[in-house]
């Protein structure tokens, strides 16, 4: 009769010990479940971060691409006109300092005596008096030697001085020398360009890849405009 309590106590102890592993398993399983849940919850945030990083990287590349023209160093409106000194037709030299206090139109043409260059130079000559009234001088520049410029001026009775830039230094400084294409072939040469320099020595207007028809009139209109 006195052994009954010991049996009851042993039974409850066994029950407690048997239950312990289940309790332990449930406690260890809970953190794993929570970890999975946290990882699942973090996944969208990680994807958003990755997308944001990719977007920022693309934006940086786009900015660099958009900034490329400015980084190229090409002459732009508002820049100070590069100084120059060139041999000219009929001997001597001509430079930017010779036009101090006046506006200056420099038109770069590919080759003296060719049809487009002739029409352009003749158009500027025809309007020379109006440019003079607008306090604006004219200067033609190409890579032709001075002797070729002499013939060009005399044959077509051109009234402006013609500079000879055989070394291409001024042409490159003003962005008038670069890659061209003719009949599918690429080569380096003079890009028809006109620059209007203000009395302050800065580029007032800039025309690249000029089309000859009506160009001289457009330049005259710009020269007449007040700063």
C-alpha atoms as a PDB file:
ATOM      1  CA  UNK A   1       0.000   0.000   0.000  1.00  0.00           C
ATOM      2  CA  UNK A   2       2.870   2.388   0.653  1.00  0.00           C
ATOM      3  CA  UNK A   3       4.466   1.705  -2.821  1.00  0.00           C
ATOM      4  CA  UNK A   4       1.578   3.301  -4.757  1.00  0.00           C
ATOM      5  CA  UNK A   5       2.748   6.928  -4.405  1.00  0.00           C
ATOM      6  CA  UNK A   6       6.245   6.032  -5.665  1.00  0.00           C
ATOM      7  CA  UNK A   7       4.706   4.521  -8.803  1.00  0.00           C
ATOM      8  CA  UNK A   8       2.607   7.645  -9.375  1.00  0.00           C
ATOM      9  CA  UNK A   9       5.646   9.903  -8.902  1.00  0.00           C
ATOM     10  CA  UNK A  10       7.732   7.818 -11.324  1.00  0.00           C
ATOM     11  CA  UNK A  11       4.984   7.941 -13.942  1.00  0.00           C
ATOM     12  CA  UNK A  12       4.689  11.709 -13.801  1.00  0.00           C
ATOM     13  CA  UNK A  13       8.498  12.057 -14.005  1.00  0.00           C
ATOM     14  CA  UNK A  14       8.608   9.845 -17.098  1.00  0.00           C
ATOM     15  CA  UNK A  15       5.836  11.847 -18.632  1.00  0.00           C
ATOM     16  CA  UNK A  16       7.763  15.094 -17.977  1.00  0.00           C
ATOM     17  CA  UNK A  17      10.962  13.633 -19.435  1.00  0.00           C
ATOM     18  CA  UNK A  18       9.122  12.345 -22.504  1.00  0.00           C
ATOM     19  CA  UNK A  19       7.520  15.725 -23.064  1.00  0.00           C
ATOM     20  CA  UNK A  20      10.825  17.564 -22.814  1.00  0.00           C
ATOM     21  CA  UNK A  21      12.154  16.612 -26.244  1.00  0.00           C
ATOM     22  CA  UNK A  22       8.908  17.735 -27.868  1.00  0.00           C
ATOM     23  CA  UNK A  23       9.151  21.048 -26.043  1.00  0.00           C
ATOM     24  CA  UNK A  24      12.822  21.346 -27.026  1.00  0.00           C
ATOM     25  CA  UNK A  25      12.048  20.555 -30.677  1.00  0.00           C
ATOM     26  CA  UNK A  26       9.315  23.172 -30.796  1.00  0.00           C
ATOM     27  CA  UNK A  27      11.648  25.771 -29.287  1.00  0.00           C
ATOM     28  CA  UNK A  28      14.468  25.086 -31.772  1.00  0.00           C
ATOM     29  CA  UNK A  29      12.092  24.886 -34.737  1.00  0.00           C
ATOM     30  CA  UNK A  30      10.605  28.294 -33.980  1.00  0.00           C
ATOM     31  CA  UNK A  31      13.801  30.274 -34.665  1.00  0.00           C
ATOM     32  CA  UNK A  32      14.308  28.442 -37.992  1.00  0.00           C
ATOM     33  CA  UNK A  33      10.802  29.330 -39.054  1.00  0.00           C
ATOM     34  CA  UNK A  34      11.317  32.932 -37.989  1.00  0.00           C
ATOM     35  CA  UNK A  35      14.622  33.098 -39.899  1.00  0.00           C
ATOM     36  CA  UNK A  36      12.904  31.853 -43.049  1.00  0.00           C
ATOM     37  CA  UNK A  37      10.166  34.412 -42.599  1.00  0.00           C
ATOM     38  CA  UNK A  38      12.695  37.252 -42.118  1.00  0.00           C
ATOM     39  CA  UNK A  39      14.626  36.145 -45.192  1.00  0.00           C
ATOM     40  CA  UNK A  40      11.423  36.091 -47.213  1.00  0.00           C
ATOM     41  CA  UNK A  41      10.461  39.525 -45.909  1.00  0.00           C
ATOM     42  CA  UNK A  42      13.922  40.927 -46.732  1.00  0.00           C
ATOM     43  CA  UNK A  43      13.949  39.571 -50.301  1.00  0.00           C
ATOM     44  CA  UNK A  44      11.848  42.387 -51.831  1.00  0.00           C
ATOM     45  CA  UNK A  45      14.001  44.998 -50.054  1.00  0.00           C
ATOM     46  CA  UNK A  46      17.165  43.387 -51.434  1.00  0.00           C
ATOM     47  CA  UNK A  47      15.670  43.328 -54.901  1.00  0.00           C
ATOM     48  CA  UNK A  48      14.741  47.023 -54.566  1.00  0.00           C
ATOM     49  CA  UNK A  49      18.273  47.866 -53.409  1.00  0.00           C
ATOM     50  CA  UNK A  50      19.765  45.952 -56.335  1.00  0.00           C
ATOM     51  CA  UNK A  51      17.443  47.692 -58.783  1.00  0.00           C
ATOM     52  CA  UNK A  52      18.260  51.086 -57.269  1.00  0.00           C
ATOM     53  CA  UNK A  53      21.994  50.398 -57.580  1.00  0.00           C
ATOM     54  CA  UNK A  54      21.570  49.310 -61.188  1.00  0.00           C
ATOM     55  CA  UNK A  55      19.500  52.411 -61.919  1.00  0.00           C
ATOM     56  CA  UNK A  56      22.117  54.681 -60.347  1.00  0.00           C
ATOM     57  CA  UNK A  57      24.845  52.982 -62.353  1.00  0.00           C
ATOM     58  CA  UNK A  58      22.890  53.445 -65.566  1.00  0.00           C
ATOM     59  CA  UNK A  59      22.255  57.065 -64.647  1.00  0.00           C
ATOM     60  CA  UNK A  60      25.955  57.657 -64.095  1.00  0.00           C
ATOM     61  CA  UNK A  61      26.767  56.151 -67.497  1.00  0.00           C
ATOM     62  CA  UNK A  62      24.056  58.261 -69.114  1.00  0.00           C
ATOM     63  CA  UNK A  63      25.414  61.413 -67.468  1.00  0.00           C
ATOM     64  CA  UNK A  64      28.909  60.666 -68.705  1.00  0.00           C
ATOM     65  CA  UNK A  65      27.592  60.097 -72.210  1.00  0.00           C
ATOM     66  CA  UNK A  66      25.570  63.317 -72.163  1.00  0.00           C
ATOM     67  CA  UNK A  67      28.576  65.241 -70.900  1.00  0.00           C
ATOM     68  CA  UNK A  68      30.924  63.905 -73.586  1.00  0.00           C
ATOM     69  CA  UNK A  69      30.480  66.832 -76.036  1.00  0.00           C
ATOM     70  CA  UNK A  70      31.302  69.378 -73.338  1.00  0.00           C
ATOM     71  CA  UNK A  71      34.373  67.389 -72.277  1.00  0.00           C
ATOM     72  CA  UNK A  72      35.656  67.277 -75.863  1.00  0.00           C
ATOM     73  CA  UNK A  73      36.956  70.856 -75.609  1.00  0.00           C
ATOM     74  CA  UNK A  74      35.224  72.032 -78.802  1.00  0.00           C
ATOM     75  CA  UNK A  75      34.811  75.785 -79.196  1.00  0.00           C
ATOM     76  CA  UNK A  76      31.370  76.999 -78.090  1.00  0.00           C
ATOM     77  CA  UNK A  77      29.425  80.255 -78.104  1.00  0.00           C
ATOM     78  CA  UNK A  78      30.524  82.443 -75.219  1.00  0.00           C
ATOM     79  CA  UNK A  79      34.088  81.091 -75.227  1.00  0.00           C
ATOM     80  CA  UNK A  80      37.021  83.439 -75.712  1.00  0.00           C
ATOM     81  CA  UNK A  81      38.135  83.240 -79.340  1.00  0.00           C
ATOM     82  CA  UNK A  82      41.535  81.522 -79.684  1.00  0.00           C
ATOM     83  CA  UNK A  83      44.328  83.857 -80.733  1.00  0.00           C
ATOM     84  CA  UNK A  84      45.943  83.292 -84.133  1.00  0.00           C
ATOM     85  CA  UNK A  85      48.475  84.708 -86.574  1.00  0.00           C
ATOM     86  CA  UNK A  86      48.488  83.485 -90.175  1.00  0.00           C
ATOM     87  CA  UNK A  87      50.249  84.227 -93.462  1.00  0.00           C
ATOM     88  CA  UNK A  88      47.840  86.047 -95.722  1.00  0.00           C
ATOM     89  CA  UNK A  89      47.248  86.812 -99.369  1.00  0.00           C
ATOM     90  CA  UNK A  90      49.570  89.470-100.848  1.00  0.00           C
ATOM     91  CA  UNK A  91      52.168  88.904 -98.161  1.00  0.00           C
ATOM     92  CA  UNK A  92      52.480  89.599 -94.460  1.00  0.00           C
ATOM     93  CA  UNK A  93      50.482  88.079 -91.630  1.00  0.00           C
ATOM     94  CA  UNK A  94      47.081  88.651 -90.082  1.00  0.00           C
ATOM     95  CA  UNK A  95      45.923  87.925 -86.527  1.00  0.00           C
ATOM     96  CA  UNK A  96      43.067  88.335 -84.099  1.00  0.00           C
ATOM     97  CA  UNK A  97      44.690  91.415 -82.540  1.00  0.00           C
ATOM     98  CA  UNK A  98      44.368  93.235 -85.883  1.00  0.00           C
ATOM     99  CA  UNK A  99      40.588  93.434 -85.365  1.00  0.00           C
ATOM    100  CA  UNK A 100      40.498  94.830 -81.826  1.00  0.00           C
ATOM    101  CA  UNK A 101      37.425  96.962 -81.157  1.00  0.00           C
ATOM    102  CA  UNK A 102      35.481  95.429 -84.059  1.00  0.00           C
ATOM    103  CA  UNK A 103      33.408  92.346 -84.579  1.00  0.00           C
ATOM    104  CA  UNK A 104      35.001  89.728 -86.801  1.00  0.00           C
ATOM    105  CA  UNK A 105      33.470  87.102 -89.070  1.00  0.00           C
ATOM    106  CA  UNK A 106      35.863  84.244 -89.811  1.00  0.00           C
ATOM    107  CA  UNK A 107      34.586  81.859 -92.460  1.00  0.00           C
ATOM    108  CA  UNK A 108      36.540  78.643 -92.933  1.00  0.00           C
ATOM    109  CA  UNK A 109      36.231  77.134 -96.401  1.00  0.00           C
ATOM    110  CA  UNK A 110      37.591  73.804 -97.719  1.00  0.00           C
ATOM    111  CA  UNK A 111      39.435  74.922-100.859  1.00  0.00           C
ATOM    112  CA  UNK A 112      39.986  78.139-102.777  1.00  0.00           C
ATOM    113  CA  UNK A 113      38.386  78.241-106.211  1.00  0.00           C
ATOM    114  CA  UNK A 114      35.900  75.382-105.759  1.00  0.00           C
ATOM    115  CA  UNK A 115      32.262  76.131-106.519  1.00  0.00           C
ATOM    116  CA  UNK A 116      30.855  76.216-102.973  1.00  0.00           C
ATOM    117  CA  UNK A 117      33.784  78.165-101.559  1.00  0.00           C
ATOM    118  CA  UNK A 118      33.615  80.651-104.419  1.00  0.00           C
ATOM    119  CA  UNK A 119      29.903  81.308-103.934  1.00  0.00           C
ATOM    120  CA  UNK A 120      30.395  81.779-100.205  1.00  0.00           C
ATOM    121  CA  UNK A 121      33.296  84.207-100.588  1.00  0.00           C
ATOM    122  CA  UNK A 122      31.483  86.160-103.320  1.00  0.00           C
ATOM    123  CA  UNK A 123      28.361  86.424-101.126  1.00  0.00           C
ATOM    124  CA  UNK A 124      30.363  87.863 -98.230  1.00  0.00           C
ATOM    125  CA  UNK A 125      32.071  90.302-100.631  1.00  0.00           C
ATOM    126  CA  UNK A 126      28.682  91.419-101.971  1.00  0.00           C
ATOM    127  CA  UNK A 127      27.572  92.274 -98.417  1.00  0.00           C
ATOM    128  CA  UNK A 128      30.928  93.715 -97.280  1.00  0.00           C
ATOM    129  CA  UNK A 129      29.654  97.320 -97.101  1.00  0.00           C
ATOM    130  CA  UNK A 130      26.757  96.281 -94.833  1.00  0.00           C
ATOM    131  CA  UNK A 131      29.124  94.351 -92.571  1.00  0.00           C
ATOM    132  CA  UNK A 132      31.295  97.463 -92.403  1.00  0.00           C
ATOM    133  CA  UNK A 133      28.325  99.532 -91.246  1.00  0.00           C
ATOM    134  CA  UNK A 134      27.752  96.933 -88.529  1.00  0.00           C
ATOM    135  CA  UNK A 135      31.365  97.441 -87.339  1.00  0.00           C
ATOM    136  CA  UNK A 136      32.217  93.953 -88.526  1.00  0.00           C
ATOM    137  CA  UNK A 137      35.295  92.806 -90.435  1.00  0.00           C
ATOM    138  CA  UNK A 138      35.517  89.717 -92.648  1.00  0.00           C
ATOM    139  CA  UNK A 139      38.265  87.100 -92.880  1.00  0.00           C
ATOM    140  CA  UNK A 140      38.394  83.939 -94.974  1.00  0.00           C
ATOM    141  CA  UNK A 141      40.624  81.041 -93.900  1.00  0.00           C
ATOM    142  CA  UNK A 142      41.576  77.762 -95.566  1.00  0.00           C
ATOM    143  CA  UNK A 143      44.592  75.457 -95.731  1.00  0.00           C
ATOM    144  CA  UNK A 144      45.560  76.720 -99.185  1.00  0.00           C
ATOM    145  CA  UNK A 145      49.031  78.297 -99.552  1.00  0.00           C
ATOM    146  CA  UNK A 146      49.208  82.115 -99.837  1.00  0.00           C
ATOM    147  CA  UNK A 147      49.829  81.929-103.600  1.00  0.00           C
ATOM    148  CA  UNK A 148      46.537  80.062-104.109  1.00  0.00           C
ATOM    149  CA  UNK A 149      44.757  82.645-101.928  1.00  0.00           C
ATOM    150  CA  UNK A 150      46.199  85.421-104.125  1.00  0.00           C
ATOM    151  CA  UNK A 151      44.739  83.853-107.263  1.00  0.00           C
ATOM    152  CA  UNK A 152      41.402  83.236-105.552  1.00  0.00           C
ATOM    153  CA  UNK A 153      41.115  86.837-104.403  1.00  0.00           C
ATOM    154  CA  UNK A 154      42.145  88.350-107.758  1.00  0.00           C
ATOM    155  CA  UNK A 155      40.009  86.080-109.925  1.00  0.00           C
ATOM    156  CA  UNK A 156      36.786  86.798-108.026  1.00  0.00           C
ATOM    157  CA  UNK A 157      37.637  90.314-106.820  1.00  0.00           C
ATOM    158  CA  UNK A 158      37.241  89.388-103.187  1.00  0.00           C
ATOM    159  CA  UNK A 159      37.521  92.290-100.759  1.00  0.00           C
ATOM    160  CA  UNK A 160      38.346  90.506 -97.489  1.00  0.00           C
ATOM    161  CA  UNK A 161      41.793  89.226 -96.443  1.00  0.00           C
ATOM    162  CA  UNK A 162      42.418  85.486 -96.831  1.00  0.00           C
ATOM    163  CA  UNK A 163      44.473  83.614 -94.233  1.00  0.00           C
ATOM    164  CA  UNK A 164      46.498  80.507 -95.007  1.00  0.00           C
ATOM    165  CA  UNK A 165      46.542  77.810 -92.286  1.00  0.00           C
ATOM    166  CA  UNK A 166      48.601  75.068 -93.903  1.00  0.00           C
ATOM    167  CA  UNK A 167      49.480  73.554 -90.509  1.00  0.00           C
ATOM    168  CA  UNK A 168      45.808  73.409 -89.420  1.00  0.00           C
ATOM    169  CA  UNK A 169      46.533  74.954 -85.999  1.00  0.00           C
ATOM    170  CA  UNK A 170      43.794  77.602 -86.218  1.00  0.00           C
ATOM    171  CA  UNK A 171      41.430  75.219 -87.996  1.00  0.00           C
ATOM    172  CA  UNK A 172      41.701  72.758 -85.117  1.00  0.00           C
ATOM    173  CA  UNK A 173      41.433  75.451 -82.432  1.00  0.00           C
ATOM    174  CA  UNK A 174      38.172  76.687 -83.963  1.00  0.00           C
ATOM    175  CA  UNK A 175      36.771  73.184 -84.575  1.00  0.00           C
ATOM    176  CA  UNK A 176      36.895  73.562 -88.352  1.00  0.00           C
ATOM    177  CA  UNK A 177      39.119  70.531 -88.937  1.00  0.00           C
ATOM    178  CA  UNK A 178      37.832  66.985 -88.513  1.00  0.00           C
ATOM    179  CA  UNK A 179      36.502  63.797 -90.052  1.00  0.00           C
ATOM    180  CA  UNK A 180      34.535  64.123 -93.271  1.00  0.00           C
ATOM    181  CA  UNK A 181      32.908  61.648 -95.624  1.00  0.00           C
ATOM    182  CA  UNK A 182      32.723  61.668 -99.418  1.00  0.00           C
ATOM    183  CA  UNK A 183      31.261  58.863-101.532  1.00  0.00           C
ATOM    184  CA  UNK A 184      31.421  56.557 -98.517  1.00  0.00           C
ATOM    185  CA  UNK A 185      35.080  57.286 -97.771  1.00  0.00           C
ATOM    186  CA  UNK A 186      36.136  59.020 -94.541  1.00  0.00           C
ATOM    187  CA  UNK A 187      39.046  61.443 -94.365  1.00  0.00           C
ATOM    188  CA  UNK A 188      40.342  64.430 -92.405  1.00  0.00           C
ATOM    189  CA  UNK A 189      39.613  67.857 -93.829  1.00  0.00           C
ATOM    190  CA  UNK A 190      38.137  71.321 -93.373  1.00  0.00           C
ATOM    191  CA  UNK A 191      34.550  71.424 -92.132  1.00  0.00           C
ATOM    192  CA  UNK A 192      32.836  74.516 -93.531  1.00  0.00           C
ATOM    193  CA  UNK A 193      32.439  76.678 -90.423  1.00  0.00           C
ATOM    194  CA  UNK A 194      31.766  80.338 -89.642  1.00  0.00           C
ATOM    195  CA  UNK A 195      32.523  82.126 -86.375  1.00  0.00           C
ATOM    196  CA  UNK A 196      31.258  85.570 -85.358  1.00  0.00           C
ATOM    197  CA  UNK A 197      33.538  87.099 -82.722  1.00  0.00           C
ATOM    198  CA  UNK A 198      32.182  90.004 -80.687  1.00  0.00           C
ATOM    199  CA  UNK A 199      34.034  93.186 -79.744  1.00  0.00           C
ATOM    200  CA  UNK A 200      34.757  91.570 -76.350  1.00  0.00           C
ATOM    201  CA  UNK A 201      36.806  88.844 -78.048  1.00  0.00           C
ATOM    202  CA  UNK A 202      34.285  86.110 -77.323  1.00  0.00           C
ATOM    203  CA  UNK A 203      32.410  83.872 -79.746  1.00  0.00           C
ATOM    204  CA  UNK A 204      29.054  85.512 -80.360  1.00  0.00           C
ATOM    205  CA  UNK A 205      27.697  82.997 -82.881  1.00  0.00           C
ATOM    206  CA  UNK A 206      28.941  79.739 -84.334  1.00  0.00           C
ATOM    207  CA  UNK A 207      27.814  77.921 -87.488  1.00  0.00           C
ATOM    208  CA  UNK A 208      29.072  74.420 -88.265  1.00  0.00           C
ATOM    209  CA  UNK A 209      28.621  72.349 -91.449  1.00  0.00           C
ATOM    210  CA  UNK A 210      27.488  75.486 -93.234  1.00  0.00           C
ATOM    211  CA  UNK A 211      25.135  75.398 -96.209  1.00  0.00           C
ATOM    212  CA  UNK A 212      26.198  78.203 -98.541  1.00  0.00           C
ATOM    213  CA  UNK A 213      22.815  79.408 -99.810  1.00  0.00           C
ATOM    214  CA  UNK A 214      21.616  82.349 -97.671  1.00  0.00           C
ATOM    215  CA  UNK A 215      24.447  81.911 -95.180  1.00  0.00           C
ATOM    216  CA  UNK A 216      26.096  85.323 -95.623  1.00  0.00           C
ATOM    217  CA  UNK A 217      22.743  87.027 -95.032  1.00  0.00           C
ATOM    218  CA  UNK A 218      22.182  85.020 -91.842  1.00  0.00           C
ATOM    219  CA  UNK A 219      25.623  86.001 -90.530  1.00  0.00           C
ATOM    220  CA  UNK A 220      24.981  89.680 -91.346  1.00  0.00           C
ATOM    221  CA  UNK A 221      21.709  89.559 -89.392  1.00  0.00           C
ATOM    222  CA  UNK A 222      23.566  88.132 -86.380  1.00  0.00           C
ATOM    223  CA  UNK A 223      26.289  90.774 -86.677  1.00  0.00           C
ATOM    224  CA  UNK A 224      23.688  93.548 -86.563  1.00  0.00           C
ATOM    225  CA  UNK A 225      22.174  92.219 -83.323  1.00  0.00           C
ATOM    226  CA  UNK A 226      23.253  94.018 -80.177  1.00  0.00           C
ATOM    227  CA  UNK A 227      24.956  91.906 -77.474  1.00  0.00           C
END
